[in-house]
Amino acid sequence: MRGLFITFEGTEGSGKSTQIRILARRLTRLGHAVVITREPGGTRFGEQIRKILLSVRNHGLDPRAELFLYLASRTQHLEEVILPALKKGKVVLCDRFSDATLAYQGFGRRLEMKIVRNAVDYAAKGISPDLTLLLDLDVRVGLARVRERGRSNRLDREKHEFHERVRRGYLRLARMNRKRIRIVKASRDPAAVARDIQTIVDRRLKDARP
């Protein structure tokens, strides 16, 4: 029995980590075996790449090198974590996946989209999430949340225009993939956001039943 692959996407400060934890607790109470993971990262190798990608000391990283690092992390992540969990029938909740690469390196960095798409498909073996929850939030609000946390990474420090391009990219991806990507307004109280996510996931779980 194949499990369910759910990804969370969104710009900085959209609350993905919080919502993943809330959903994981609920699914566990319902009897599902849940795996929480993230990108970049998720494996020992991936976490090393994550440090490189997010370190503020690497502000001069070439966008193409950045793309390849994300893809290398994803390939290992799929083989070590995601695919084995799905084969065991588990629900995988992943903080970012292929849509993030399209949004950040394609739309944000303005790399040639055809090249980015082909590279993304190759790294992910053509695998797509069963459901993607896009936590949409005004860029200024999200970056303000990041500042309130008191710590920022290399991506957090990008120019406002970059983050706007990423958000527009995400919304465009959602329009192109209406069945898979569901937009959730992330400006509200976390409990209200969680209720919307619960409704969407419950419907997807119902559809997945044999």
N, C-alpha and C. Protein backbone atom coordinates (compact mmCIF):
# COMPACT_ATOMS: atom_id res chain seq x y z
N MET A 1 0.85 -1.19 0.00
CA MET A 1 0.00 0.00 0.00
C MET A 1 0.88 1.24 0.00
N ARG A 2 0.65 2.13 -0.96
CA ARG A 2 1.43 3.36 -1.01
C ARG A 2 0.86 4.37 -0.04
N GLY A 3 1.75 5.10 0.61
CA GLY A 3 1.32 6.12 1.54
C GLY A 3 0.85 7.38 0.83
N LEU A 4 0.85 8.49 1.58
CA LEU A 4 0.39 9.77 1.05
C LEU A 4 1.49 10.80 1.20
N PHE A 5 1.80 11.49 0.13
CA PHE A 5 2.88 12.46 0.11
C PHE A 5 2.29 13.87 0.08
N ILE A 6 2.42 14.59 1.20
CA ILE A 6 1.88 15.94 1.33
C ILE A 6 3.02 16.92 1.54
N THR A 7 3.07 17.96 0.71
CA THR A 7 4.11 18.97 0.86
C THR A 7 3.50 20.31 1.28
N PHE A 8 4.31 21.07 1.99
CA PHE A 8 3.93 22.42 2.42
C PHE A 8 4.87 23.40 1.73
N GLU A 9 4.29 24.42 1.11
CA GLU A 9 5.08 25.43 0.41
C GLU A 9 4.67 26.82 0.88
N GLY A 10 5.53 27.78 0.62
CA GLY A 10 5.23 29.15 0.99
C GLY A 10 6.50 29.97 1.13
N THR A 11 6.34 31.27 1.12
CA THR A 11 7.48 32.16 1.27
C THR A 11 7.91 32.22 2.73
N GLU A 12 8.96 33.00 2.99
CA GLU A 12 9.53 33.06 4.34
C GLU A 12 8.49 33.56 5.34
N GLY A 13 8.45 32.91 6.51
CA GLY A 13 7.57 33.34 7.58
C GLY A 13 6.11 32.96 7.41
N SER A 14 5.81 32.05 6.49
CA SER A 14 4.41 31.69 6.23
C SER A 14 3.84 30.70 7.24
N GLY A 15 4.68 30.14 8.10
CA GLY A 15 4.18 29.27 9.16
C GLY A 15 4.12 27.80 8.81
N LYS A 16 4.91 27.37 7.84
CA LYS A 16 4.87 25.98 7.41
C LYS A 16 5.21 25.00 8.54
N SER A 17 6.30 25.28 9.24
CA SER A 17 6.74 24.37 10.30
C SER A 17 5.67 24.18 11.37
N THR A 18 5.04 25.28 11.76
CA THR A 18 3.98 25.21 12.77
C THR A 18 2.83 24.35 12.29
N GLN A 19 2.39 24.56 11.07
CA GLN A 19 1.24 23.82 10.54
C GLN A 19 1.56 22.35 10.31
N ILE A 20 2.79 22.05 9.95
CA ILE A 20 3.19 20.65 9.79
C ILE A 20 3.09 19.92 11.13
N ARG A 21 3.56 20.55 12.18
CA ARG A 21 3.50 19.92 13.51
C ARG A 21 2.06 19.69 13.96
N ILE A 22 1.20 20.68 13.71
CA ILE A 22 -0.21 20.56 14.10
C ILE A 22 -0.87 19.41 13.34
N LEU A 23 -0.63 19.35 12.03
CA LEU A 23 -1.24 18.30 11.22
C LEU A 23 -0.69 16.93 11.60
N ALA A 24 0.60 16.85 11.86
CA ALA A 24 1.20 15.57 12.23
C ALA A 24 0.59 15.02 13.51
N ARG A 25 0.38 15.88 14.49
CA ARG A 25 -0.23 15.43 15.75
C ARG A 25 -1.63 14.89 15.51
N ARG A 26 -2.39 15.58 14.68
CA ARG A 26 -3.76 15.14 14.41
C ARG A 26 -3.78 13.82 13.65
N LEU A 27 -2.96 13.70 12.63
CA LEU A 27 -2.93 12.46 11.86
C LEU A 27 -2.47 11.28 12.70
N THR A 28 -1.54 11.53 13.60
CA THR A 28 -1.07 10.47 14.49
C THR A 28 -2.19 10.01 15.41
N ARG A 29 -2.97 10.96 15.92
CA ARG A 29 -4.10 10.60 16.77
C ARG A 29 -5.12 9.76 16.02
N LEU A 30 -5.22 9.97 14.70
CA LEU A 30 -6.17 9.23 13.88
C LEU A 30 -5.64 7.86 13.47
N GLY A 31 -4.40 7.58 13.88
CA GLY A 31 -3.85 6.26 13.62
C GLY A 31 -2.91 6.15 12.44
N HIS A 32 -2.57 7.27 11.83
CA HIS A 32 -1.66 7.24 10.69
C HIS A 32 -0.21 7.24 11.16
N ALA A 33 0.63 6.53 10.45
CA ALA A 33 2.07 6.60 10.68
C ALA A 33 2.58 7.80 9.89
N VAL A 34 3.18 8.76 10.58
CA VAL A 34 3.55 10.04 9.96
C VAL A 34 5.06 10.25 9.99
N VAL A 35 5.59 10.73 8.88
CA VAL A 35 7.00 11.12 8.80
C VAL A 35 7.07 12.61 8.50
N ILE A 36 7.77 13.36 9.34
CA ILE A 36 7.98 14.79 9.11
C ILE A 36 9.40 14.98 8.59
N THR A 37 9.54 15.71 7.49
CA THR A 37 10.86 15.94 6.95
C THR A 37 10.90 17.31 6.28
N ARG A 38 12.06 17.67 5.74
CA ARG A 38 12.18 19.02 5.18
C ARG A 38 13.22 19.06 4.07
N GLU A 39 13.12 20.13 3.27
CA GLU A 39 14.10 20.40 2.23
C GLU A 39 14.52 21.87 2.27
N PRO A 40 15.80 22.13 2.02
CA PRO A 40 16.85 21.12 1.90
C PRO A 40 17.08 20.46 3.25
N GLY A 41 17.55 19.24 3.20
CA GLY A 41 17.79 18.50 4.44
C GLY A 41 17.14 17.14 4.40
N GLY A 42 16.71 16.68 5.57
CA GLY A 42 16.02 15.40 5.66
C GLY A 42 16.93 14.20 5.80
N THR A 43 18.19 14.34 5.40
CA THR A 43 19.19 13.27 5.53
C THR A 43 20.47 13.91 6.06
N ARG A 44 21.42 13.07 6.48
CA ARG A 44 22.69 13.62 6.96
C ARG A 44 23.36 14.44 5.86
N PHE A 45 23.37 13.89 4.66
CA PHE A 45 23.94 14.58 3.51
C PHE A 45 23.18 15.88 3.23
N GLY A 46 21.86 15.79 3.24
CA GLY A 46 21.04 16.96 2.95
C GLY A 46 21.18 18.07 3.97
N GLU A 47 21.36 17.71 5.23
CA GLU A 47 21.51 18.73 6.26
C GLU A 47 22.84 19.47 6.11
N GLN A 48 23.85 18.78 5.61
CA GLN A 48 25.12 19.46 5.33
C GLN A 48 24.94 20.47 4.20
N ILE A 49 24.18 20.07 3.19
CA ILE A 49 23.89 20.99 2.08
C ILE A 49 23.07 22.18 2.57
N ARG A 50 22.13 21.91 3.47
CA ARG A 50 21.29 22.97 4.03
C ARG A 50 22.14 24.07 4.67
N LYS A 51 23.16 23.66 5.40
CA LYS A 51 24.02 24.64 6.06
C LYS A 51 24.71 25.54 5.03
N ILE A 52 25.14 24.94 3.93
CA ILE A 52 25.78 25.72 2.87
C ILE A 52 24.79 26.70 2.25
N LEU A 53 23.60 26.22 1.94
CA LEU A 53 22.61 27.03 1.25
C LEU A 53 22.10 28.20 2.09
N LEU A 54 21.97 27.99 3.39
CA LEU A 54 21.34 29.01 4.23
C LEU A 54 22.33 29.91 4.97
N SER A 55 23.61 29.56 4.93
CA SER A 55 24.61 30.37 5.64
C SER A 55 24.73 31.76 5.01
N VAL A 56 24.67 32.79 5.83
CA VAL A 56 24.79 34.16 5.33
C VAL A 56 26.19 34.42 4.80
N ARG A 57 27.15 33.58 5.14
CA ARG A 57 28.51 33.76 4.64
C ARG A 57 28.62 33.41 3.15
N ASN A 58 27.61 32.69 2.64
CA ASN A 58 27.65 32.26 1.24
C ASN A 58 26.78 33.14 0.35
N HIS A 59 26.82 34.44 0.61
CA HIS A 59 25.96 35.37 -0.14
C HIS A 59 26.33 35.43 -1.62
N GLY A 60 27.55 35.00 -1.97
CA GLY A 60 27.97 35.06 -3.36
C GLY A 60 27.72 33.79 -4.15
N LEU A 61 26.93 32.89 -3.61
CA LEU A 61 26.66 31.62 -4.27
C LEU A 61 25.97 31.84 -5.61
N ASP A 62 26.53 31.25 -6.67
CA ASP A 62 25.94 31.39 -8.00
C ASP A 62 24.57 30.71 -8.04
N PRO A 63 23.56 31.32 -8.68
CA PRO A 63 22.22 30.72 -8.74
C PRO A 63 22.21 29.31 -9.32
N ARG A 64 23.09 29.03 -10.28
CA ARG A 64 23.13 27.68 -10.85
C ARG A 64 23.68 26.68 -9.84
N ALA A 65 24.72 27.09 -9.11
CA ALA A 65 25.26 26.23 -8.06
C ALA A 65 24.20 25.98 -6.99
N GLU A 66 23.45 27.04 -6.67
CA GLU A 66 22.36 26.92 -5.70
C GLU A 66 21.34 25.89 -6.17
N LEU A 67 20.97 25.95 -7.43
CA LEU A 67 20.01 25.00 -8.00
C LEU A 67 20.51 23.57 -7.85
N PHE A 68 21.75 23.33 -8.22
CA PHE A 68 22.28 21.97 -8.19
C PHE A 68 22.39 21.44 -6.76
N LEU A 69 22.67 22.31 -5.81
CA LEU A 69 22.74 21.88 -4.41
C LEU A 69 21.37 21.44 -3.91
N TYR A 70 20.35 22.21 -4.24
CA TYR A 70 18.99 21.82 -3.85
C TYR A 70 18.61 20.48 -4.46
N LEU A 71 18.95 20.29 -5.72
CA LEU A 71 18.58 19.05 -6.40
C LEU A 71 19.34 17.86 -5.84
N ALA A 72 20.61 18.06 -5.50
CA ALA A 72 21.39 16.97 -4.91
C ALA A 72 20.79 16.54 -3.58
N SER A 73 20.40 17.50 -2.78
CA SER A 73 19.76 17.20 -1.50
C SER A 73 18.46 16.43 -1.71
N ARG A 74 17.67 16.85 -2.71
CA ARG A 74 16.37 16.22 -2.97
C ARG A 74 16.53 14.76 -3.42
N THR A 75 17.48 14.51 -4.30
CA THR A 75 17.68 13.16 -4.80
C THR A 75 17.99 12.19 -3.66
N GLN A 76 18.90 12.58 -2.78
CA GLN A 76 19.24 11.74 -1.64
C GLN A 76 18.06 11.60 -0.68
N HIS A 77 17.34 12.67 -0.51
CA HIS A 77 16.17 12.70 0.37
C HIS A 77 15.11 11.72 -0.10
N LEU A 78 14.86 11.70 -1.39
CA LEU A 78 13.88 10.78 -1.95
C LEU A 78 14.27 9.32 -1.69
N GLU A 79 15.53 9.01 -1.97
CA GLU A 79 15.99 7.63 -1.86
C GLU A 79 16.05 7.15 -0.42
N GLU A 80 16.46 8.01 0.49
CA GLU A 80 16.66 7.60 1.88
C GLU A 80 15.41 7.69 2.74
N VAL A 81 14.57 8.69 2.47
CA VAL A 81 13.46 8.99 3.40
C VAL A 81 12.09 8.86 2.75
N ILE A 82 11.84 9.63 1.71
CA ILE A 82 10.48 9.77 1.19
C ILE A 82 9.96 8.48 0.57
N LEU A 83 10.68 7.93 -0.38
CA LEU A 83 10.20 6.72 -1.06
C LEU A 83 10.07 5.52 -0.12
N PRO A 84 11.04 5.26 0.76
CA PRO A 84 10.87 4.14 1.70
C PRO A 84 9.65 4.31 2.60
N ALA A 85 9.39 5.55 3.04
CA ALA A 85 8.23 5.79 3.91
C ALA A 85 6.93 5.57 3.16
N LEU A 86 6.86 6.03 1.92
CA LEU A 86 5.65 5.85 1.12
C LEU A 86 5.39 4.38 0.83
N LYS A 87 6.45 3.63 0.58
CA LYS A 87 6.30 2.20 0.31
C LYS A 87 5.75 1.45 1.53
N LYS A 88 5.99 2.02 2.72
CA LYS A 88 5.48 1.41 3.95
C LYS A 88 4.08 1.90 4.30
N GLY A 89 3.51 2.72 3.44
CA GLY A 89 2.15 3.22 3.67
C GLY A 89 2.05 4.39 4.61
N LYS A 90 3.15 5.08 4.85
CA LYS A 90 3.14 6.21 5.79
C LYS A 90 2.71 7.51 5.10
N VAL A 91 2.29 8.46 5.93
CA VAL A 91 1.99 9.80 5.43
C VAL A 91 3.26 10.64 5.61
N VAL A 92 3.78 11.15 4.52
CA VAL A 92 4.98 11.97 4.56
C VAL A 92 4.59 13.44 4.47
N LEU A 93 4.98 14.21 5.48
CA LEU A 93 4.74 15.65 5.49
C LEU A 93 6.08 16.34 5.27
N CYS A 94 6.23 16.98 4.13
CA CYS A 94 7.52 17.56 3.77
C CYS A 94 7.45 19.08 3.65
N ASP A 95 8.35 19.74 4.37
CA ASP A 95 8.48 21.19 4.31
C ASP A 95 9.28 21.54 3.06
N ARG A 96 8.58 21.85 1.98
CA ARG A 96 9.11 22.20 0.67
C ARG A 96 9.56 20.97 -0.12
N PHE A 97 9.36 21.10 -1.46
CA PHE A 97 9.78 20.05 -2.38
C PHE A 97 10.02 20.72 -3.73
N SER A 98 9.67 20.07 -4.81
CA SER A 98 10.01 20.56 -6.15
C SER A 98 9.41 21.93 -6.48
N ASP A 99 8.22 22.22 -5.98
CA ASP A 99 7.61 23.53 -6.26
C ASP A 99 8.48 24.66 -5.74
N ALA A 100 9.18 24.42 -4.64
CA ALA A 100 10.05 25.45 -4.08
C ALA A 100 11.18 25.79 -5.04
N THR A 101 11.72 24.78 -5.70
CA THR A 101 12.81 25.02 -6.66
C THR A 101 12.30 25.83 -7.85
N LEU A 102 11.11 25.50 -8.33
CA LEU A 102 10.53 26.28 -9.43
C LEU A 102 10.28 27.73 -9.00
N ALA A 103 9.78 27.90 -7.78
CA ALA A 103 9.45 29.24 -7.30
C ALA A 103 10.70 30.07 -7.01
N TYR A 104 11.66 29.47 -6.32
CA TYR A 104 12.84 30.24 -5.89
C TYR A 104 13.91 30.35 -6.98
N GLN A 105 14.28 29.24 -7.58
CA GLN A 105 15.34 29.30 -8.58
C GLN A 105 14.80 29.67 -9.97
N GLY A 106 13.58 29.25 -10.28
CA GLY A 106 12.99 29.61 -11.55
C GLY A 106 12.48 31.04 -11.57
N PHE A 107 11.44 31.30 -10.79
CA PHE A 107 10.84 32.63 -10.76
C PHE A 107 11.69 33.63 -9.98
N GLY A 108 12.21 33.22 -8.83
CA GLY A 108 12.98 34.15 -8.00
C GLY A 108 14.32 34.52 -8.59
N ARG A 109 15.11 33.50 -8.96
CA ARG A 109 16.45 33.76 -9.52
C ARG A 109 16.42 34.04 -11.02
N ARG A 110 15.28 33.76 -11.63
CA ARG A 110 15.10 34.00 -13.07
C ARG A 110 16.01 33.12 -13.92
N LEU A 111 16.29 31.90 -13.44
CA LEU A 111 16.97 30.94 -14.28
C LEU A 111 16.00 30.47 -15.36
N GLU A 112 16.52 29.98 -16.46
CA GLU A 112 15.65 29.56 -17.56
C GLU A 112 14.71 28.46 -17.09
N MET A 113 13.42 28.71 -17.16
CA MET A 113 12.44 27.82 -16.54
C MET A 113 12.45 26.42 -17.16
N LYS A 114 12.65 26.33 -18.45
CA LYS A 114 12.66 25.02 -19.08
C LYS A 114 13.78 24.15 -18.51
N ILE A 115 14.95 24.75 -18.31
CA ILE A 115 16.08 24.02 -17.74
C ILE A 115 15.78 23.62 -16.31
N VAL A 116 15.22 24.55 -15.54
CA VAL A 116 14.89 24.26 -14.14
C VAL A 116 13.88 23.13 -14.05
N ARG A 117 12.84 23.18 -14.87
CA ARG A 117 11.80 22.13 -14.84
C ARG A 117 12.39 20.77 -15.18
N ASN A 118 13.21 20.71 -16.20
CA ASN A 118 13.80 19.44 -16.59
C ASN A 118 14.71 18.89 -15.49
N ALA A 119 15.47 19.78 -14.87
CA ALA A 119 16.36 19.36 -13.79
C ALA A 119 15.57 18.88 -12.58
N VAL A 120 14.49 19.59 -12.27
CA VAL A 120 13.63 19.21 -11.15
C VAL A 120 13.01 17.84 -11.38
N ASP A 121 12.49 17.61 -12.58
CA ASP A 121 11.87 16.32 -12.90
C ASP A 121 12.88 15.19 -12.82
N TYR A 122 14.09 15.44 -13.29
CA TYR A 122 15.12 14.41 -13.27
C TYR A 122 15.51 14.07 -11.83
N ALA A 123 15.73 15.09 -11.01
CA ALA A 123 16.14 14.87 -9.62
C ALA A 123 15.07 14.14 -8.82
N ALA A 124 13.79 14.44 -9.13
CA ALA A 124 12.68 13.86 -8.37
C ALA A 124 12.11 12.62 -9.02
N LYS A 125 12.76 12.14 -10.08
CA LYS A 125 12.29 10.94 -10.80
C LYS A 125 10.86 11.11 -11.31
N GLY A 126 10.48 12.35 -11.56
CA GLY A 126 9.13 12.61 -12.03
C GLY A 126 8.06 12.47 -10.96
N ILE A 127 8.50 12.29 -9.71
CA ILE A 127 7.54 12.10 -8.61
C ILE A 127 6.95 13.44 -8.18
N SER A 128 5.65 13.48 -8.02
CA SER A 128 4.95 14.68 -7.61
C SER A 128 4.16 14.39 -6.33
N PRO A 129 4.02 15.37 -5.45
CA PRO A 129 3.22 15.16 -4.23
C PRO A 129 1.77 14.82 -4.56
N ASP A 130 1.11 14.11 -3.65
CA ASP A 130 -0.32 13.85 -3.80
C ASP A 130 -1.13 15.11 -3.51
N LEU A 131 -0.59 15.94 -2.62
CA LEU A 131 -1.26 17.17 -2.22
C LEU A 131 -0.20 18.17 -1.79
N THR A 132 -0.38 19.42 -2.24
CA THR A 132 0.52 20.49 -1.82
C THR A 132 -0.30 21.61 -1.21
N LEU A 133 0.08 22.02 -0.01
CA LEU A 133 -0.59 23.11 0.69
C LEU A 133 0.29 24.35 0.60
N LEU A 134 -0.18 25.34 -0.13
CA LEU A 134 0.56 26.58 -0.32
C LEU A 134 0.06 27.61 0.70
N LEU A 135 0.89 27.91 1.68
CA LEU A 135 0.54 28.90 2.69
C LEU A 135 0.91 30.27 2.15
N ASP A 136 -0.09 30.98 1.68
CA ASP A 136 0.15 32.25 1.01
C ASP A 136 0.07 33.41 2.00
N LEU A 137 1.06 34.28 1.90
CA LEU A 137 1.17 35.38 2.86
C LEU A 137 1.83 36.58 2.19
N ASP A 138 1.37 37.78 2.54
CA ASP A 138 2.02 38.99 2.06
C ASP A 138 3.50 38.96 2.44
N VAL A 139 4.34 39.28 1.49
CA VAL A 139 5.79 39.18 1.70
C VAL A 139 6.25 40.03 2.87
N ARG A 140 5.74 41.25 2.99
CA ARG A 140 6.17 42.13 4.07
C ARG A 140 5.80 41.53 5.44
N VAL A 141 4.64 40.93 5.52
CA VAL A 141 4.22 40.31 6.78
C VAL A 141 5.12 39.14 7.12
N GLY A 142 5.42 38.31 6.12
CA GLY A 142 6.27 37.15 6.36
C GLY A 142 7.67 37.53 6.81
N LEU A 143 8.26 38.51 6.15
CA LEU A 143 9.60 38.93 6.52
C LEU A 143 9.62 39.59 7.90
N ALA A 144 8.53 40.26 8.25
CA ALA A 144 8.43 40.84 9.60
C ALA A 144 8.40 39.73 10.64
N ARG A 145 7.70 38.63 10.35
CA ARG A 145 7.67 37.49 11.26
C ARG A 145 9.08 36.92 11.44
N VAL A 146 9.82 36.84 10.34
CA VAL A 146 11.19 36.33 10.40
C VAL A 146 12.04 37.21 11.30
N ARG A 147 11.90 38.52 11.16
CA ARG A 147 12.67 39.44 12.00
C ARG A 147 12.32 39.28 13.47
N GLU A 148 11.05 39.03 13.74
CA GLU A 148 10.62 38.86 15.14
C GLU A 148 11.25 37.62 15.77
N ARG A 149 11.56 36.60 14.94
CA ARG A 149 12.21 35.40 15.46
C ARG A 149 13.63 35.69 15.91
N GLY A 150 14.19 36.79 15.41
CA GLY A 150 15.52 37.18 15.83
C GLY A 150 16.65 36.48 15.12
N ARG A 151 16.37 35.74 14.09
CA ARG A 151 17.43 35.09 13.31
C ARG A 151 16.99 35.04 11.85
N SER A 152 17.97 35.17 10.97
CA SER A 152 17.66 35.14 9.54
C SER A 152 18.75 34.38 8.81
N ASN A 153 18.39 33.81 7.67
CA ASN A 153 19.37 33.08 6.87
C ASN A 153 19.64 33.81 5.56
N ARG A 154 20.41 33.20 4.68
CA ARG A 154 20.80 33.84 3.43
C ARG A 154 19.60 34.23 2.58
N LEU A 155 18.59 33.35 2.52
CA LEU A 155 17.41 33.66 1.71
C LEU A 155 16.56 34.75 2.34
N ASP A 156 16.46 34.75 3.67
CA ASP A 156 15.69 35.79 4.34
C ASP A 156 16.21 37.18 3.98
N ARG A 157 17.51 37.27 3.73
CA ARG A 157 18.15 38.57 3.51
C ARG A 157 18.12 39.02 2.05
N GLU A 158 17.47 38.24 1.19
CA GLU A 158 17.34 38.66 -0.20
C GLU A 158 16.46 39.91 -0.28
N LYS A 159 16.58 40.63 -1.39
CA LYS A 159 15.80 41.85 -1.59
C LYS A 159 14.30 41.54 -1.64
N HIS A 160 13.52 42.55 -1.28
CA HIS A 160 12.06 42.40 -1.26
C HIS A 160 11.54 41.94 -2.63
N GLU A 161 12.12 42.48 -3.69
CA GLU A 161 11.66 42.15 -5.04
C GLU A 161 11.82 40.66 -5.33
N PHE A 162 12.89 40.07 -4.81
CA PHE A 162 13.11 38.64 -4.99
C PHE A 162 11.97 37.84 -4.36
N HIS A 163 11.62 38.18 -3.14
CA HIS A 163 10.55 37.46 -2.44
C HIS A 163 9.20 37.67 -3.11
N GLU A 164 8.99 38.84 -3.69
CA GLU A 164 7.75 39.07 -4.43
C GLU A 164 7.68 38.18 -5.66
N ARG A 165 8.79 38.03 -6.36
CA ARG A 165 8.81 37.15 -7.53
C ARG A 165 8.53 35.71 -7.12
N VAL A 166 9.08 35.30 -5.99
CA VAL A 166 8.84 33.94 -5.50
C VAL A 166 7.37 33.74 -5.19
N ARG A 167 6.75 34.71 -4.52
CA ARG A 167 5.33 34.58 -4.19
C ARG A 167 4.48 34.51 -5.45
N ARG A 168 4.76 35.39 -6.40
CA ARG A 168 4.00 35.36 -7.65
C ARG A 168 4.21 34.03 -8.37
N GLY A 169 5.42 33.51 -8.28
CA GLY A 169 5.70 32.21 -8.90
C GLY A 169 4.89 31.10 -8.27
N TYR A 170 4.83 31.10 -6.95
CA TYR A 170 4.02 30.09 -6.26
C TYR A 170 2.56 30.17 -6.69
N LEU A 171 2.02 31.38 -6.74
CA LEU A 171 0.62 31.54 -7.12
C LEU A 171 0.37 31.11 -8.56
N ARG A 172 1.34 31.34 -9.40
CA ARG A 172 1.21 30.88 -10.79
C ARG A 172 1.22 29.36 -10.85
N LEU A 173 2.09 28.73 -10.08
CA LEU A 173 2.13 27.27 -10.03
C LEU A 173 0.80 26.71 -9.53
N ALA A 174 0.21 27.41 -8.56
CA ALA A 174 -1.08 26.96 -8.03
C ALA A 174 -2.16 27.02 -9.10
N ARG A 175 -2.14 28.07 -9.90
CA ARG A 175 -3.13 28.18 -10.98
C ARG A 175 -2.94 27.08 -12.03
N MET A 176 -1.70 26.66 -12.21
CA MET A 176 -1.39 25.64 -13.21
C MET A 176 -1.66 24.22 -12.69
N ASN A 177 -1.79 24.08 -11.38
CA ASN A 177 -1.96 22.75 -10.76
C ASN A 177 -3.07 22.80 -9.72
N ARG A 178 -4.26 23.18 -10.16
CA ARG A 178 -5.36 23.43 -9.24
C ARG A 178 -5.79 22.20 -8.44
N LYS A 179 -5.67 21.03 -9.03
CA LYS A 179 -6.09 19.82 -8.32
C LYS A 179 -5.12 19.43 -7.21
N ARG A 180 -3.85 19.71 -7.42
CA ARG A 180 -2.84 19.30 -6.44
C ARG A 180 -2.51 20.39 -5.43
N ILE A 181 -2.35 21.62 -5.89
CA ILE A 181 -1.93 22.71 -5.02
C ILE A 181 -3.14 23.47 -4.50
N ARG A 182 -3.29 23.49 -3.19
CA ARG A 182 -4.40 24.21 -2.56
C ARG A 182 -3.85 25.41 -1.79
N ILE A 183 -4.38 26.57 -2.08
CA ILE A 183 -3.92 27.80 -1.43
C ILE A 183 -4.63 27.96 -0.09
N VAL A 184 -3.84 28.22 0.94
CA VAL A 184 -4.37 28.47 2.28
C VAL A 184 -3.87 29.84 2.73
N LYS A 185 -4.78 30.72 3.10
CA LYS A 185 -4.40 32.07 3.53
C LYS A 185 -3.72 31.99 4.90
N ALA A 186 -2.45 32.37 4.92
CA ALA A 186 -1.64 32.18 6.13
C ALA A 186 -1.55 33.41 7.02
N SER A 187 -2.32 34.45 6.71
CA SER A 187 -2.26 35.68 7.49
C SER A 187 -3.09 35.60 8.77
N ARG A 188 -3.89 34.54 8.88
CA ARG A 188 -4.82 34.43 10.01
C ARG A 188 -4.17 33.72 11.21
N ASP A 189 -4.95 33.61 12.26
CA ASP A 189 -4.51 32.89 13.46
C ASP A 189 -4.14 31.46 13.07
N PRO A 190 -3.05 30.92 13.65
CA PRO A 190 -2.62 29.56 13.30
C PRO A 190 -3.72 28.51 13.45
N ALA A 191 -4.61 28.68 14.42
CA ALA A 191 -5.69 27.71 14.61
C ALA A 191 -6.65 27.73 13.42
N ALA A 192 -6.94 28.92 12.89
CA ALA A 192 -7.82 29.02 11.73
C ALA A 192 -7.17 28.41 10.50
N VAL A 193 -5.89 28.66 10.34
CA VAL A 193 -5.15 28.07 9.22
C VAL A 193 -5.18 26.55 9.33
N ALA A 194 -4.97 26.04 10.55
CA ALA A 194 -4.96 24.59 10.77
C ALA A 194 -6.30 23.96 10.46
N ARG A 195 -7.39 24.66 10.75
CA ARG A 195 -8.71 24.11 10.44
C ARG A 195 -8.91 23.97 8.94
N ASP A 196 -8.47 24.96 8.18
CA ASP A 196 -8.58 24.87 6.72
C ASP A 196 -7.76 23.70 6.20
N ILE A 197 -6.56 23.56 6.72
CA ILE A 197 -5.69 22.46 6.29
C ILE A 197 -6.33 21.13 6.65
N GLN A 198 -6.90 21.03 7.82
CA GLN A 198 -7.56 19.80 8.25
C GLN A 198 -8.66 19.41 7.27
N THR A 199 -9.47 20.37 6.87
CA THR A 199 -10.56 20.09 5.93
C THR A 199 -10.03 19.58 4.60
N ILE A 200 -8.99 20.23 4.10
CA ILE A 200 -8.42 19.83 2.81
C ILE A 200 -7.81 18.43 2.89
N VAL A 201 -7.06 18.17 3.96
CA VAL A 201 -6.39 16.87 4.10
C VAL A 201 -7.41 15.76 4.33
N ASP A 202 -8.43 16.03 5.13
CA ASP A 202 -9.46 15.02 5.37
C ASP A 202 -10.12 14.60 4.06
N ARG A 203 -10.38 15.56 3.21
CA ARG A 203 -11.00 15.26 1.92
C ARG A 203 -10.06 14.43 1.06
N ARG A 204 -8.78 14.76 1.10
CA ARG A 204 -7.80 14.00 0.31
C ARG A 204 -7.65 12.58 0.83
N LEU A 205 -7.67 12.41 2.14
CA LEU A 205 -7.59 11.08 2.72
C LEU A 205 -8.82 10.24 2.35
N LYS A 206 -9.97 10.88 2.34
CA LYS A 206 -11.20 10.18 1.97
C LYS A 206 -11.12 9.70 0.53
N ASP A 207 -10.61 10.57 -0.35
CA ASP A 207 -10.48 10.20 -1.76
C ASP A 207 -9.49 9.08 -1.98
N ALA A 208 -8.51 8.98 -1.07
CA ALA A 208 -7.45 7.97 -1.23
C ALA A 208 -7.87 6.59 -0.73
N ARG A 209 -8.97 6.53 -0.02
CA ARG A 209 -9.42 5.23 0.50
C ARG A 209 -9.87 4.31 -0.62
N PRO A 210 -9.52 3.02 -0.53
CA PRO A 210 -9.90 2.07 -1.58
C PRO A 210 -11.41 1.82 -1.59
